Amino acid sequence: MTIEEVQLSASEWGRFWFHYKDEPQQQEAVEMLRQHINEADPTLLTQHASWVERYRSSPPQDARLTPGSAFGVRVTPSFAYGELTLWEEGRRFLNQGQCDIATELCEFLEKARAEFGPIKITSCHRPPAINAACGGAANSEHLFQPGCGAVDCYPIDGNGLAFETWVDKNWKYSVGYGMTYRGFTHIGIRSDRAKYRWTY
């Protein structure tokens, strides 16, 4: 087996780093990588290395999520398109309206992240076949019908009930209380943009 056959592709490399949560074993692994890079070429780890400057540069001001965007595209600073699709092609959004609803949800998740740290998305867009296969409701917000959308999620730090209480207070549309029995909170929008609450 050659090195080319086992080497991470560009998309795999980006997805690998997106899941970094500053956990102890991840810190150790990053330090191992830093040492290897430093041995190979110390200039790659400087503040003004070309890749560092490119990484820190701002995206075009008119950039926004579209159905065909790469999964590594950030919908908001902390959330990538791939997280909304569980990195599965079959869960891509089908139109711009769905992307715009997803962006609105991610903007709220950014506020939640500021309060609770990293947020794990367990479900977002579920096209009809996937929704049916997982037992989703026929009118599920996860179908992203016009004006609708949803994410199921929880805080990585484990403070789920406080997170759910905060969401209930700060999100004015749909909230499904699932943290106690299912390990996530449902955050959604319906086309009428009314306030809904329920328990799983």
Protein backbone atom coordinates (compact mmCIF):
# COMPACT_ATOMS: atom_id res chain seq x y z
CA MET A 1 0.00 0.00 0.00
CA THR A 2 1.42 3.37 -1.04
CA ILE A 3 1.39 6.60 0.98
CA GLU A 4 -1.00 8.08 -1.62
CA GLU A 5 -3.53 5.34 -0.88
CA VAL A 6 -3.69 6.02 2.86
CA GLN A 7 -3.11 9.78 2.90
CA LEU A 8 -6.04 11.99 3.94
CA SER A 9 -7.68 13.87 1.08
CA ALA A 10 -8.19 17.64 1.33
CA SER A 11 -11.85 17.19 2.34
CA GLU A 12 -10.97 14.48 4.89
CA TRP A 13 -8.26 16.71 6.34
CA GLY A 14 -10.65 19.64 6.75
CA ARG A 15 -13.35 17.45 8.28
CA PHE A 16 -10.79 15.94 10.65
CA TRP A 17 -9.92 19.34 12.12
CA PHE A 18 -13.49 20.53 12.28
CA HIS A 19 -14.14 17.97 15.01
CA TYR A 20 -11.35 19.30 17.24
CA LYS A 21 -12.85 20.01 20.70
CA ASP A 22 -9.70 20.75 22.71
CA GLU A 23 -9.92 17.42 24.55
CA PRO A 24 -6.74 16.14 26.31
CA GLN A 25 -5.94 13.39 23.81
CA GLN A 26 -6.54 15.84 20.95
CA GLN A 27 -4.14 18.33 22.54
CA GLU A 28 -1.49 15.61 22.77
CA ALA A 29 -2.01 14.62 19.15
CA VAL A 30 -1.78 18.23 17.97
CA GLU A 31 1.47 18.69 19.87
CA MET A 32 2.87 15.56 18.18
CA LEU A 33 1.90 17.02 14.80
CA ARG A 34 3.39 20.41 15.68
CA GLN A 35 6.71 18.79 16.56
CA HIS A 36 6.78 16.84 13.29
CA ILE A 37 6.02 19.97 11.27
CA ASN A 38 8.66 21.93 13.15
CA GLU A 39 11.26 19.28 12.37
CA ALA A 40 10.33 19.29 8.67
CA ASP A 41 10.05 23.07 8.14
CA PRO A 42 9.94 25.51 11.11
CA THR A 43 8.74 28.36 8.87
CA LEU A 44 5.37 26.65 8.47
CA LEU A 45 4.54 27.39 12.12
CA THR A 46 5.11 31.15 12.06
CA GLN A 47 2.40 33.80 12.34
CA HIS A 48 3.15 35.05 8.82
CA ALA A 49 3.30 31.74 6.99
CA SER A 50 1.22 32.02 3.81
CA TRP A 51 -1.24 29.31 4.90
CA VAL A 52 -1.81 31.04 8.28
CA GLU A 53 -2.56 34.36 6.62
CA ARG A 54 -4.90 32.69 4.12
CA TYR A 55 -6.69 30.78 6.90
CA ARG A 56 -7.29 34.00 8.82
CA SER A 57 -8.47 36.03 5.84
CA SER A 58 -12.16 36.96 5.56
CA PRO A 59 -14.42 35.23 3.02
CA PRO A 60 -16.10 37.33 0.31
CA GLN A 61 -18.83 39.48 1.80
CA ASP A 62 -21.49 38.03 -0.51
CA ALA A 63 -20.61 34.42 0.34
CA ARG A 64 -23.55 32.41 1.64
CA LEU A 65 -24.58 28.81 1.89
CA THR A 66 -26.04 27.30 -1.28
CA PRO A 67 -27.20 23.72 -1.95
CA GLY A 68 -24.06 23.00 -3.94
CA SER A 69 -21.59 24.45 -1.41
CA ALA A 70 -18.75 22.23 -0.26
CA PHE A 71 -19.41 20.52 3.06
CA GLY A 72 -16.46 22.37 4.58
CA VAL A 73 -18.06 25.77 3.94
CA ARG A 74 -18.85 27.59 7.16
CA VAL A 75 -22.49 28.59 7.44
CA THR A 76 -21.48 30.70 10.45
CA PRO A 77 -18.03 30.90 12.07
CA SER A 78 -18.47 27.72 14.15
CA PHE A 79 -20.78 25.57 12.03
CA ALA A 80 -20.07 23.92 8.68
CA TYR A 81 -22.50 22.77 6.01
CA GLY A 82 -21.33 19.21 6.60
CA GLU A 83 -22.59 19.27 10.17
CA LEU A 84 -26.10 20.01 8.92
CA THR A 85 -25.99 17.05 6.54
CA LEU A 86 -24.02 14.69 8.81
CA TRP A 87 -21.48 14.81 5.93
CA GLU A 88 -23.84 12.76 3.74
CA GLU A 89 -24.55 13.73 0.12
CA GLY A 90 -28.10 12.42 0.43
CA ARG A 91 -28.88 15.08 3.04
CA ARG A 92 -27.85 18.11 0.97
CA PHE A 93 -30.31 20.98 0.84
CA LEU A 94 -32.32 21.14 -2.35
CA ASN A 95 -33.04 24.86 -2.68
CA GLN A 96 -31.88 28.25 -1.46
CA GLY A 97 -34.84 28.69 0.88
CA GLN A 98 -33.72 25.67 2.88
CA CYS A 99 -30.18 27.07 3.04
CA ASP A 100 -31.45 30.40 4.33
CA ILE A 101 -33.47 28.72 7.11
CA ALA A 102 -30.41 26.64 8.02
CA THR A 103 -28.34 29.80 8.22
CA GLU A 104 -30.87 31.36 10.59
CA LEU A 105 -30.69 28.27 12.81
CA CYS A 106 -26.88 28.35 12.82
CA GLU A 107 -26.88 32.04 13.76
CA PHE A 108 -28.88 31.10 16.84
CA LEU A 109 -26.54 28.19 17.58
CA GLU A 110 -23.63 30.65 17.54
CA LYS A 111 -25.33 32.49 20.41
CA ALA A 112 -25.83 29.20 22.24
CA ARG A 113 -22.19 28.30 21.66
CA ALA A 114 -21.10 31.57 23.25
CA GLU A 115 -22.95 30.47 26.39
CA PHE A 116 -22.23 26.73 26.46
CA GLY A 117 -19.20 26.05 24.29
CA PRO A 118 -19.12 23.62 21.35
CA ILE A 119 -22.49 22.30 20.19
CA LYS A 120 -22.95 18.88 18.58
CA ILE A 121 -25.63 18.60 15.87
CA THR A 122 -27.20 15.13 15.74
CA SER A 123 -29.81 15.79 13.03
CA CYS A 124 -30.79 18.59 10.69
CA HIS A 125 -31.95 18.11 7.10
CA ARG A 126 -33.79 14.86 6.50
CA PRO A 127 -35.15 14.42 2.98
CA PRO A 128 -38.38 12.37 2.83
CA ALA A 129 -36.78 8.95 2.37
CA ILE A 130 -34.32 9.48 5.22
CA ASN A 131 -37.01 10.97 7.45
CA ALA A 132 -39.26 7.97 6.86
CA ALA A 133 -36.41 5.51 7.45
CA CYS A 134 -35.63 7.02 10.86
CA GLY A 135 -39.29 7.17 11.93
CA GLY A 136 -39.65 10.93 11.63
CA ALA A 137 -43.08 12.57 11.69
CA ALA A 138 -44.76 13.03 8.31
CA ASN A 139 -44.75 16.81 8.85
CA SER A 140 -41.35 16.97 10.57
CA GLU A 141 -39.60 20.32 10.58
CA HIS A 142 -36.47 18.37 9.58
CA LEU A 143 -37.97 17.98 6.09
CA PHE A 144 -37.24 21.68 5.52
CA GLN A 145 -40.53 22.26 3.73
CA PRO A 146 -40.95 25.93 2.64
CA GLY A 147 -40.34 28.19 5.63
CA CYS A 148 -39.49 25.27 7.94
CA GLY A 149 -36.35 23.72 9.34
CA ALA A 150 -34.80 22.24 12.47
CA VAL A 151 -31.69 21.00 14.22
CA ASP A 152 -31.37 18.50 17.07
CA CYS A 153 -28.31 19.22 19.17
CA TYR A 154 -26.64 19.21 22.58
CA PRO A 155 -23.66 20.93 24.24
CA ILE A 156 -20.43 18.93 24.26
CA ASP A 157 -19.71 19.90 27.87
CA GLY A 158 -22.69 17.82 29.03
CA ASN A 159 -24.67 20.69 30.58
CA GLY A 160 -27.71 19.66 28.57
CA LEU A 161 -30.58 20.66 30.84
CA ALA A 162 -29.22 24.16 31.36
CA PHE A 163 -28.78 24.40 27.59
CA GLU A 164 -32.37 23.32 26.99
CA THR A 165 -33.66 25.86 29.51
CA TRP A 166 -31.63 28.59 27.81
CA VAL A 167 -32.96 27.61 24.38
CA ASP A 168 -36.52 27.65 25.70
CA LYS A 169 -36.01 31.18 26.97
CA ASN A 170 -34.17 32.57 23.94
CA TRP A 171 -35.67 30.81 20.89
CA LYS A 172 -39.10 32.15 19.97
CA TYR A 173 -40.14 29.41 17.54
CA SER A 174 -40.22 25.61 17.99
CA VAL A 175 -38.50 23.80 20.87
CA GLY A 176 -38.80 20.09 21.56
CA TYR A 177 -37.67 19.05 25.04
CA GLY A 178 -35.67 15.89 24.44
CA MET A 179 -32.59 16.27 26.58
CA THR A 180 -33.77 14.09 29.48
CA TYR A 181 -34.90 11.06 27.50
CA ARG A 182 -33.25 11.39 24.10
CA GLY A 183 -30.11 13.41 24.76
CA PHE A 184 -30.84 16.39 22.50
CA THR A 185 -32.91 19.55 22.22
CA HIS A 186 -34.93 20.17 19.06
CA ILE A 187 -34.71 23.75 17.74
CA GLY A 188 -36.98 24.50 14.81
CA ILE A 189 -38.98 26.92 12.71
CA ARG A 190 -42.39 26.49 11.11
CA SER A 191 -43.72 28.54 8.24
CA ASP A 192 -46.06 30.50 10.52
CA ARG A 193 -43.13 31.37 12.81
CA ALA A 194 -45.29 30.76 15.87
CA LYS A 195 -44.08 29.52 19.25
CA TYR A 196 -44.39 25.77 19.80
CA ARG A 197 -43.25 23.61 22.71
CA TRP A 198 -43.47 19.84 23.26
CA THR A 199 -41.77 16.99 25.12
CA TYR A 200 -40.53 13.80 23.49
